[in-house]
Protein backbone atom coordinates (compact mmCIF):
# COMPACT_ATOMS: atom_id res chain seq x y z
CA MET A 1 0.00 0.00 0.00
CA SER A 2 1.24 3.48 -0.67
CA LEU A 3 0.29 6.92 0.52
CA LEU A 4 -1.77 9.04 -1.86
CA LEU A 5 -1.23 12.77 -1.47
CA HIS A 6 -4.07 15.09 -2.36
CA CYS A 7 -3.85 18.66 -3.60
CA GLY A 8 -2.29 20.95 -1.02
CA SER A 9 -0.39 18.24 0.82
CA GLU A 10 3.25 17.22 0.66
CA SER A 11 5.29 14.20 1.64
CA ALA A 12 7.53 14.39 4.70
CA THR A 13 10.17 12.37 6.51
CA LEU A 14 10.36 11.64 10.23
CA ASP A 15 13.23 14.12 10.49
CA GLU A 16 11.18 16.84 8.79
CA LEU A 17 8.37 16.32 11.30
CA ALA A 18 10.71 17.46 14.08
CA ASN A 19 10.78 20.96 12.55
CA ILE A 20 7.04 21.56 12.92
CA PRO A 21 6.34 23.80 15.91
CA LEU A 22 3.93 22.53 18.54
CA PRO A 23 0.84 24.47 19.61
CA LYS A 24 1.02 26.11 23.02
CA GLU A 25 0.51 23.79 25.96
CA THR A 26 -2.26 24.67 28.41
CA ARG A 27 -3.36 23.33 31.76
CA THR A 28 -5.70 20.85 30.02
CA TYR A 29 -3.92 20.34 26.69
CA LYS A 30 -0.53 18.65 26.20
CA PRO A 31 0.39 18.50 22.50
CA ILE A 32 2.83 15.91 21.17
CA SER A 33 4.85 16.26 17.99
CA HIS A 34 3.93 14.57 14.74
CA GLN A 35 7.34 12.88 14.93
CA ALA A 36 6.62 11.43 18.38
CA LEU A 37 3.18 10.18 17.27
CA ALA A 38 4.49 8.51 14.10
CA THR A 39 7.35 6.89 16.03
CA MET A 40 5.03 5.67 18.81
CA LEU A 41 2.55 4.17 16.34
CA GLY A 42 5.33 2.28 14.56
CA ALA A 43 6.67 0.98 17.88
CA ILE A 44 3.21 -0.08 19.08
CA ALA A 45 2.53 -1.90 15.81
CA THR A 46 5.77 -3.86 16.00
CA ASP A 47 5.20 -4.63 19.71
CA LEU A 48 1.68 -5.93 19.05
CA LEU A 49 2.72 -7.86 15.94
CA PRO A 50 6.16 -9.28 16.77
CA GLU A 51 6.07 -11.66 13.81
CA PHE A 52 6.07 -8.64 11.47
CA GLU A 53 8.77 -6.08 10.73
CA LEU A 54 8.22 -2.38 10.03
CA ILE A 55 9.71 -2.03 6.54
CA ASN A 56 8.52 1.39 5.39
CA THR A 57 6.88 4.57 6.66
CA GLN A 58 5.29 7.13 4.35
CA LEU A 59 4.12 10.42 5.82
CA GLY A 60 2.25 13.41 4.50
CA LEU A 61 1.49 16.90 5.78
CA ALA A 62 -1.30 19.32 5.01
CA ARG A 63 -2.48 22.71 6.28
CA ASP A 64 1.02 24.09 6.85
CA GLY A 65 2.05 21.06 8.89
CA GLN A 66 -0.97 21.13 11.17
CA GLN A 67 -2.35 17.88 9.74
CA MET A 68 -0.33 14.67 9.41
CA PHE A 69 -1.30 11.37 7.83
CA GLY A 70 0.70 8.33 6.95
CA VAL A 71 1.12 4.63 6.25
CA HIS A 72 3.31 2.21 8.18
CA THR A 73 4.04 -0.89 6.08
CA LEU A 74 4.69 -4.06 8.03
């Protein structure tokens, strides 16, 4: 499976996700980076499915980096 990018979105790497600024933290809101989320999801998938190996990650960004989507291929 591959990631389809729609108009107004662009592909990104895990390293590029680190450059996206986080929204301001509040008393009731603790944002996490896109990079942390993508990394955690890959780790959870490989922990839950130990017989599989994470072989590829494709990521996309939209709305000036405020929206992330992606595909982890196991």
